[in-house]
C-alpha atoms as a PDB file:
ATOM      1  CA  MET A   1     -11.277   3.521   2.733  1.00  0.00           C
ATOM      2  CA  THR A   2     -12.020  -0.151   1.514  1.00  0.00           C
ATOM      3  CA  LEU A   3      -8.402  -0.831   1.079  1.00  0.00           C
ATOM      4  CA  ALA A   4      -8.178   0.100   4.492  1.00  0.00           C
ATOM      5  CA  ASN A   5     -10.309  -1.650   6.011  1.00  0.00           C
ATOM      6  CA  ARG A   6      -9.833  -5.012   4.134  1.00  0.00           C
ATOM      7  CA  GLY A   7      -6.084  -4.314   4.431  1.00  0.00           C
ATOM      8  CA  ASP A   8      -6.207  -4.007   8.375  1.00  0.00           C
ATOM      9  CA  ALA A   9      -4.381  -0.670   7.697  1.00  0.00           C
ATOM     10  CA  GLN A  10      -3.606   1.279  11.224  1.00  0.00           C
ATOM     11  CA  ALA A  11      -4.037   4.110   9.835  1.00  0.00           C
ATOM     12  CA  ILE A  12      -4.655   6.110   6.333  1.00  0.00           C
ATOM     13  CA  VAL A  13      -1.983   8.606   5.189  1.00  0.00           C
ATOM     14  CA  ALA A  14      -3.238  11.577   2.780  1.00  0.00           C
ATOM     15  CA  VAL A  15      -0.777  12.998   1.249  1.00  0.00           C
ATOM     16  CA  THR A  16      -1.894  16.785   0.236  1.00  0.00           C
ATOM     17  CA  ARG A  17      -1.224  20.340  -0.226  1.00  0.00           C
ATOM     18  CA  GLY A  18      -4.315  21.830  -0.222  1.00  0.00           C
ATOM     19  CA  GLY A  19      -6.603  19.293   2.298  1.00  0.00           C
ATOM     20  CA  GLY A  20      -8.674  17.844  -0.612  1.00  0.00           C
ATOM     21  CA  THR A  21      -7.699  14.657  -0.227  1.00  0.00           C
ATOM     22  CA  ALA A  22      -7.984  14.294   3.770  1.00  0.00           C
ATOM     23  CA  ARG A  23     -11.293  16.570   3.562  1.00  0.00           C
ATOM     24  CA  ARG A  24     -12.600  13.795   1.002  1.00  0.00           C
ATOM     25  CA  LEU A  25     -11.418  10.863   3.624  1.00  0.00           C
ATOM     26  CA  SER A  26     -13.273  12.331   6.488  1.00  0.00           C
ATOM     27  CA  ALA A  27     -16.506  12.659   4.911  1.00  0.00           C
ATOM     28  CA  LEU A  28     -16.384   8.912   4.451  1.00  0.00           C
ATOM     29  CA  ARG A  29     -15.878   8.260   8.217  1.00  0.00           C
ATOM     30  CA  PRO A  30     -13.110   5.596   8.008  1.00  0.00           C
ATOM     31  CA  ARG A  31     -12.357   3.307  10.998  1.00  0.00           C
ATOM     32  CA  ALA A  32      -8.569   4.074  10.668  1.00  0.00           C
ATOM     33  CA  PRO A  33      -7.487   7.337  11.840  1.00  0.00           C
ATOM     34  CA  ILE A  34      -6.387   9.794   8.869  1.00  0.00           C
ATOM     35  CA  PHE A  35      -3.226  11.297   9.045  1.00  0.00           C
ATOM     36  CA  ALA A  36      -2.983  14.363   6.738  1.00  0.00           C
ATOM     37  CA  THR A  37       0.726  15.286   5.484  1.00  0.00           C
ATOM     38  CA  THR A  38       1.106  18.661   4.528  1.00  0.00           C
ATOM     39  CA  ASP A  39       3.849  20.857   3.999  1.00  0.00           C
ATOM     40  CA  HIS A  40       1.730  24.096   4.726  1.00  0.00           C
ATOM     41  CA  ASP A  41       0.904  25.240   8.365  1.00  0.00           C
ATOM     42  CA  SER A  42      -2.372  26.871   7.164  1.00  0.00           C
ATOM     43  CA  THR A  43      -3.522  23.731   5.768  1.00  0.00           C
ATOM     44  CA  ALA A  44      -2.790  21.674   8.724  1.00  0.00           C
ATOM     45  CA  ARG A  45      -4.515  24.206  10.941  1.00  0.00           C
ATOM     46  CA  ARG A  46      -7.238  24.162   8.761  1.00  0.00           C
ATOM     47  CA  LEU A  47      -7.708  20.254   8.116  1.00  0.00           C
ATOM     48  CA  ALA A  48      -7.499  19.848  12.367  1.00  0.00           C
ATOM     49  CA  LEU A  49     -11.048  20.724  12.291  1.00  0.00           C
ATOM     50  CA  TYR A  50     -12.485  17.717  10.103  1.00  0.00           C
ATOM     51  CA  TRP A  51     -13.557  14.370  11.506  1.00  0.00           C
ATOM     52  CA  GLY A  52     -10.805  11.619  12.267  1.00  0.00           C
ATOM     53  CA  VAL A  53      -8.010  13.929  10.470  1.00  0.00           C
ATOM     54  CA  MET A  54      -4.693  14.347  12.292  1.00  0.00           C
ATOM     55  CA  PRO A  55      -2.459  16.780  10.365  1.00  0.00           C
ATOM     56  CA  VAL A  56       1.284  16.321   9.947  1.00  0.00           C
ATOM     57  CA  CYS A  57       3.359  18.935   8.956  1.00  0.00           C
ATOM     58  CA  THR A  58       6.398  17.666   7.118  1.00  0.00           C
ATOM     59  CA  ASP A  59       8.002  18.255   3.549  1.00  0.00           C
ATOM     60  CA  ILE A  60       6.672  16.338   1.085  1.00  0.00           C
ATOM     61  CA  GLY A  61       8.729  17.441  -1.725  1.00  0.00           C
ATOM     62  CA  GLU A  62       7.890  17.588  -5.273  1.00  0.00           C
ATOM     63  CA  ASN A  63       7.397  14.243  -5.937  1.00  0.00           C
ATOM     64  CA  VAL A  64       4.884  13.122  -3.362  1.00  0.00           C
ATOM     65  CA  ASP A  65       4.576   9.237  -4.811  1.00  0.00           C
ATOM     66  CA  SER A  66       8.434   9.226  -3.788  1.00  0.00           C
ATOM     67  CA  ALA A  67       7.720  10.800  -0.368  1.00  0.00           C
ATOM     68  CA  GLY A  68       6.058   7.970   0.788  1.00  0.00           C
ATOM     69  CA  THR A  69       8.910   6.423   2.543  1.00  0.00           C
ATOM     70  CA  LEU A  70      10.060   9.755   3.982  1.00  0.00           C
ATOM     71  CA  ILE A  71       6.925  10.473   5.501  1.00  0.00           C
ATOM     72  CA  GLY A  72       6.249   6.778   6.775  1.00  0.00           C
ATOM     73  CA  GLN A  73       9.510   7.103   8.949  1.00  0.00           C
ATOM     74  CA  GLN A  74       8.497  10.326  10.347  1.00  0.00           C
ATOM     75  CA  LEU A  75       5.010   9.079  11.411  1.00  0.00           C
ATOM     76  CA  VAL A  76       6.933   6.082  13.134  1.00  0.00           C
ATOM     77  CA  ALA A  77       9.504   8.493  14.722  1.00  0.00           C
ATOM     78  CA  ARG A  78       6.888  10.751  16.101  1.00  0.00           C
ATOM     79  CA  GLY A  79       5.107   8.016  17.603  1.00  0.00           C
ATOM     80  CA  LEU A  80       1.922   8.143  15.505  1.00  0.00           C
ATOM     81  CA  VAL A  81       2.057   4.955  14.050  1.00  0.00           C
ATOM     82  CA  PRO A  82       3.788   1.871  15.385  1.00  0.00           C
ATOM     83  CA  SER A  83       6.878   0.158  13.704  1.00  0.00           C
ATOM     84  CA  GLY A  84       5.826  -2.560  10.983  1.00  0.00           C
ATOM     85  CA  ALA A  85       2.235  -1.093  11.022  1.00  0.00           C
ATOM     86  CA  SER A  86       0.353  -1.196   7.297  1.00  0.00           C
ATOM     87  CA  VAL A  87      -0.760   2.336   6.254  1.00  0.00           C
ATOM     88  CA  VAL A  88      -2.583   3.171   3.340  1.00  0.00           C
ATOM     89  CA  LEU A  89      -0.824   5.971   1.533  1.00  0.00           C
ATOM     90  CA  VAL A  90      -3.459   8.167  -0.584  1.00  0.00           C
ATOM     91  CA  SER A  91      -2.984  11.269  -2.687  1.00  0.00           C
ATOM     92  CA  ILE A  92      -5.681  12.883  -4.815  1.00  0.00           C
ATOM     93  CA  SER A  93      -4.853  15.871  -7.451  1.00  0.00           C
ATOM     94  CA  PRO A  94      -6.811  17.402 -10.046  1.00  0.00           C
ATOM     95  CA  ASP A  95      -4.127  17.978 -12.353  1.00  0.00           C
ATOM     96  CA  LEU A  96      -3.873  15.074 -14.026  1.00  0.00           C
ATOM     97  CA  THR A  97      -0.793  15.957 -16.534  1.00  0.00           C
ATOM     98  CA  ARG A  98       1.360  15.129 -13.569  1.00  0.00           C
ATOM     99  CA  GLY A  99       2.724  11.826 -13.250  1.00  0.00           C
ATOM    100  CA  ASP A 100       2.258  11.344  -9.571  1.00  0.00           C
ATOM    101  CA  ALA A 101      -1.408  13.246  -9.782  1.00  0.00           C
ATOM    102  CA  ASN A 102      -3.301   9.976  -8.337  1.00  0.00           C
ATOM    103  CA  PHE A 103      -2.006   7.422  -6.030  1.00  0.00           C
ATOM    104  CA  LEU A 104      -2.979   4.886  -3.746  1.00  0.00           C
ATOM    105  CA  LYS A 105      -0.549   2.432  -1.694  1.00  0.00           C
ATOM    106  CA  ILE A 106      -0.309   0.045   0.930  1.00  0.00           C
ATOM    107  CA  LYS A 107       2.569   0.355   2.856  1.00  0.00           C
ATOM    108  CA  ARG A 108       4.462  -1.419   5.626  1.00  0.00           C
ATOM    109  CA  LEU A 109       6.639   0.897   8.092  1.00  0.00           C
END
């Protein structure tokens, strides 16, 4: 959240399968909107109930780290974020054995 505020990000993108990342961000009440990208419809429906979270159903593939570019393009194409905007991509996973378990990136779309 601090990175989004100081980096003047226009959105925080939570890449999540079960919704945990977006729920944790929602509890912090950031100024930037939270786009929860998930590939599960049921997770998206649940996340719509959390403060400041806008669920986006999209394919995040096997490696969520490399999915950032594709997710950014889809957010721009859907008109959710303007082209050229800075966003913070966040993913948190309890499975630390995976290479893409946790990441935080600033990306210009």
